[in-house]
């Protein structure tokens, strides 16, 4: 006699679930992020993906903030480009541009990255690469140490700024306000309306990074 198709299977007949690991949890979190976005990446949703209870995850990840930081660290493994030709400045800008592009690919993560505190191997590799390039350029160690933080803040904020695109109506309102600014009350805005509205996000990112790198080179840190 064969069992009916709808007969419940005994627990003993089900394949054993793989043991939970931090690596497996982060991999599952990445899958949810790519399919559903960061807003859906909760401990409850992740537990459902792993067929376990949320309480089981807290053994490996303390909270959602740590989970997001771990996901960011994993994605940082894609942010370091292969060694390229060019000056240390060009290669430094290339690494930071690649990092920003990674955040553009995961827009929900960009805002979280402003306050995330990754501490995994990929984050350390990114910091090491940036410090090595600044050292190659002759930037004093203390300035390089503070400068890395400033460069990453700028790159992260640039990506976060573009996570929620303004509506056409919002852009039209901004363009109108700048272009129609009175020379009497706002002479500087009126005189610089064109430059204020010019440039692509890519060109503005590049200019900002170059300006920061030059400032880091010349500005000592207080003792």
Protein backbone atom coordinates (compact mmCIF):
# COMPACT_ATOMS: atom_id res chain seq x y z
CA UNK A 1 0.00 0.00 0.00
CA UNK A 2 1.39 3.39 -0.96
CA UNK A 3 0.96 6.48 1.18
CA UNK A 4 -1.44 9.16 0.03
CA UNK A 5 0.31 12.16 -1.54
CA UNK A 6 -1.01 14.47 1.15
CA UNK A 7 0.08 12.27 4.06
CA UNK A 8 2.25 14.36 6.43
CA UNK A 9 5.86 13.27 6.50
CA UNK A 10 7.39 12.22 9.75
CA UNK A 11 10.10 14.51 11.13
CA UNK A 12 12.44 11.53 10.94
CA UNK A 13 11.88 11.33 7.18
CA UNK A 14 12.78 14.99 6.54
CA UNK A 15 16.35 15.76 5.54
CA UNK A 16 18.37 17.27 8.36
CA UNK A 17 18.79 21.04 8.17
CA UNK A 18 22.37 22.23 7.81
CA UNK A 19 23.87 23.60 10.98
CA UNK A 20 23.69 27.36 11.37
CA UNK A 21 26.93 29.29 10.92
CA UNK A 22 27.67 33.00 10.75
CA UNK A 23 28.89 32.55 7.17
CA UNK A 24 25.67 30.79 6.19
CA UNK A 25 23.57 33.47 7.85
CA UNK A 26 25.41 36.25 5.99
CA UNK A 27 25.06 34.36 2.70
CA UNK A 28 21.32 34.00 3.26
CA UNK A 29 21.09 37.68 4.19
CA UNK A 30 22.78 38.61 0.91
CA UNK A 31 20.25 36.52 -0.98
CA UNK A 32 17.36 38.33 0.73
CA UNK A 33 19.01 41.72 0.12
CA UNK A 34 19.44 41.04 -3.59
CA UNK A 35 15.92 39.68 -4.03
CA UNK A 36 13.90 41.92 -1.74
CA UNK A 37 16.02 44.89 -0.61
CA UNK A 38 17.37 45.94 2.76
CA UNK A 39 14.00 46.96 4.19
CA UNK A 40 12.94 43.31 4.07
CA UNK A 41 16.16 42.08 5.63
CA UNK A 42 14.97 41.57 9.20
CA UNK A 43 15.91 38.87 11.65
CA UNK A 44 12.42 37.40 11.32
CA UNK A 45 12.63 37.31 7.51
CA UNK A 46 16.11 35.81 7.66
CA UNK A 47 14.97 33.15 10.11
CA UNK A 48 12.19 32.25 7.70
CA UNK A 49 14.73 31.96 4.88
CA UNK A 50 16.86 29.63 7.00
CA UNK A 51 13.87 27.64 8.33
CA UNK A 52 14.67 28.40 11.95
CA UNK A 53 13.53 30.69 14.74
CA UNK A 54 14.78 34.29 15.12
CA UNK A 55 16.20 33.47 18.55
CA UNK A 56 18.62 30.99 16.94
CA UNK A 57 20.19 33.76 14.86
CA UNK A 58 21.09 35.93 17.83
CA UNK A 59 23.72 33.38 18.83
CA UNK A 60 25.68 34.42 15.72
CA UNK A 61 24.51 37.99 15.06
CA UNK A 62 23.59 40.26 17.98
CA UNK A 63 21.08 42.49 16.19
CA UNK A 64 19.97 43.85 12.83
CA UNK A 65 22.65 46.56 12.85
CA UNK A 66 25.38 43.94 13.18
CA UNK A 67 23.73 41.90 10.44
CA UNK A 68 23.75 44.89 8.07
CA UNK A 69 27.40 45.57 8.93
CA UNK A 70 28.28 41.95 8.17
CA UNK A 71 26.46 42.13 4.83
CA UNK A 72 28.28 45.36 3.99
CA UNK A 73 31.61 43.75 4.83
CA UNK A 74 30.83 40.82 2.54
CA UNK A 75 29.94 43.17 -0.31
CA UNK A 76 33.16 45.11 0.23
CA UNK A 77 34.89 42.05 -1.21
CA UNK A 78 33.65 43.28 -4.58
CA UNK A 79 34.68 46.90 -4.02
CA UNK A 80 38.42 46.54 -4.52
CA UNK A 81 39.33 46.69 -8.22
CA UNK A 82 42.24 44.77 -9.66
CA UNK A 83 45.56 46.64 -9.54
CA UNK A 84 45.58 49.25 -12.28
CA UNK A 85 48.11 51.54 -13.88
CA UNK A 86 48.19 55.19 -13.00
CA UNK A 87 49.39 57.46 -10.25
CA UNK A 88 48.66 56.76 -6.61
CA UNK A 89 46.00 59.47 -6.74
CA UNK A 90 44.27 57.85 -9.72
CA UNK A 91 44.34 54.43 -8.10
CA UNK A 92 43.09 55.83 -4.81
CA UNK A 93 40.18 57.52 -6.58
CA UNK A 94 39.52 54.29 -8.48
CA UNK A 95 39.16 52.26 -5.27
CA UNK A 96 36.81 54.83 -3.73
CA UNK A 97 34.78 55.09 -6.93
CA UNK A 98 34.42 51.31 -7.00
CA UNK A 99 33.28 51.37 -3.37
CA UNK A 100 30.67 54.02 -4.18
CA UNK A 101 29.49 52.07 -7.24
CA UNK A 102 28.93 49.04 -5.02
CA UNK A 103 26.66 51.12 -2.80
CA UNK A 104 24.84 52.48 -5.84
CA UNK A 105 24.09 48.86 -6.78
CA UNK A 106 22.48 48.33 -3.36
CA UNK A 107 20.81 51.69 -2.71
CA UNK A 108 19.04 50.61 0.48
CA UNK A 109 22.39 49.67 1.97
CA UNK A 110 23.95 53.08 1.27
CA UNK A 111 22.00 54.85 4.02
CA UNK A 112 22.74 52.05 6.46
CA UNK A 113 26.44 52.23 5.56
CA UNK A 114 26.68 55.75 6.98
CA UNK A 115 26.30 54.38 10.50
CA UNK A 116 27.33 50.74 9.99
CA UNK A 117 30.50 49.58 11.71
CA UNK A 118 31.90 46.69 9.66
CA UNK A 119 34.92 44.99 11.17
CA UNK A 120 35.42 41.98 8.92
CA UNK A 121 38.34 41.06 6.66
CA UNK A 122 37.04 42.88 3.57
CA UNK A 123 36.67 46.15 5.47
CA UNK A 124 40.19 45.79 6.83
CA UNK A 125 41.46 45.10 3.30
CA UNK A 126 39.78 48.27 2.06
CA UNK A 127 41.32 50.39 4.83
CA UNK A 128 44.73 48.80 4.27
CA UNK A 129 44.55 49.53 0.53
CA UNK A 130 43.60 53.18 1.10
CA UNK A 131 46.35 53.67 3.69
CA UNK A 132 48.94 52.04 1.42
CA UNK A 133 48.04 54.36 -1.46
CA UNK A 134 48.20 57.45 0.75
CA UNK A 135 51.57 56.25 2.07
CA UNK A 136 52.77 55.80 -1.51
CA UNK A 137 51.85 59.43 -2.13
CA UNK A 138 53.92 60.58 0.82
CA UNK A 139 50.96 61.60 3.00
CA UNK A 140 52.08 61.70 6.66
CA UNK A 141 50.72 58.74 8.66
CA UNK A 142 48.48 60.74 11.02
CA UNK A 143 46.91 62.65 8.12
CA UNK A 144 46.38 59.39 6.23
CA UNK A 145 44.70 57.79 9.26
CA UNK A 146 42.21 60.64 9.63
CA UNK A 147 41.92 61.09 5.89
CA UNK A 148 40.68 57.55 5.24
CA UNK A 149 37.68 58.21 7.45
CA UNK A 150 36.93 61.46 5.60
CA UNK A 151 37.23 59.85 2.16
CA UNK A 152 34.90 56.98 3.06
CA UNK A 153 32.40 59.37 4.61
CA UNK A 154 32.27 61.40 1.39
CA UNK A 155 31.93 58.34 -0.83
CA UNK A 156 29.24 56.80 1.38
CA UNK A 157 27.26 60.03 1.70
CA UNK A 158 27.38 60.52 -2.07
CA UNK A 159 25.79 57.12 -2.59
CA UNK A 160 23.25 57.65 0.20
CA UNK A 161 22.21 61.00 -1.27
CA UNK A 162 21.03 59.25 -4.42
CA UNK A 163 19.21 56.33 -2.82
CA UNK A 164 15.85 58.08 -2.93
CA UNK A 165 15.63 59.91 -6.21
CA UNK A 166 13.64 63.13 -6.10
CA UNK A 167 10.44 63.24 -8.09
CA UNK A 168 10.33 65.31 -11.30
CA UNK A 169 8.18 67.82 -9.45
CA UNK A 170 10.77 68.19 -6.68
CA UNK A 171 13.58 68.68 -9.21
CA UNK A 172 11.55 71.23 -11.16
CA UNK A 173 10.88 73.15 -7.96
CA UNK A 174 14.58 73.18 -7.06
CA UNK A 175 15.69 74.21 -10.55
CA UNK A 176 13.13 77.01 -10.62
CA UNK A 177 14.14 78.28 -7.17
CA UNK A 178 17.84 78.44 -8.08
CA UNK A 179 17.39 79.90 -11.54
CA UNK A 180 14.92 82.51 -10.38
CA UNK A 181 16.86 83.58 -7.27
CA UNK A 182 16.91 87.36 -6.93
CA UNK A 183 20.21 89.15 -7.49
CA UNK A 184 19.16 91.54 -4.74
CA UNK A 185 18.52 89.02 -1.98
CA UNK A 186 20.67 86.08 -3.13
CA UNK A 187 23.39 87.54 -5.38
CA UNK A 188 25.77 84.60 -5.09
CA UNK A 189 23.11 82.03 -6.00
CA UNK A 190 21.94 84.18 -8.90
CA UNK A 191 25.49 84.53 -10.20
CA UNK A 192 26.33 80.84 -9.87
CA UNK A 193 23.03 79.24 -10.88
CA UNK A 194 24.67 77.43 -13.81
CA UNK A 195 27.58 75.89 -11.89
CA UNK A 196 25.34 75.03 -8.92
CA UNK A 197 23.23 72.82 -11.18
CA UNK A 198 25.97 71.45 -13.41
CA UNK A 199 27.87 68.17 -13.39
CA UNK A 200 26.91 64.52 -13.27
CA UNK A 201 26.99 62.56 -9.99
CA UNK A 202 30.11 60.79 -11.28
CA UNK A 203 31.97 64.02 -12.07
CA UNK A 204 30.97 65.57 -8.75
CA UNK A 205 32.17 62.48 -6.88
CA UNK A 206 35.50 62.59 -8.72
CA UNK A 207 35.97 66.30 -8.03
CA UNK A 208 35.06 65.87 -4.38
CA UNK A 209 37.54 63.03 -3.93
CA UNK A 210 40.32 65.00 -5.61
CA UNK A 211 39.60 68.04 -3.43
CA UNK A 212 39.66 65.89 -0.29
CA UNK A 213 42.87 64.09 -1.25
CA UNK A 214 44.60 67.43 -1.88
CA UNK A 215 43.38 68.75 1.46
CA UNK A 216 44.48 65.62 3.31
CA UNK A 217 47.96 65.99 1.80
CA UNK A 218 48.33 69.57 3.05
CA UNK A 219 46.42 69.61 6.34
CA UNK A 220 48.15 68.39 9.45
CA UNK A 221 46.24 66.90 12.37
CA UNK A 222 46.35 68.52 15.85
CA UNK A 223 48.72 66.97 18.32
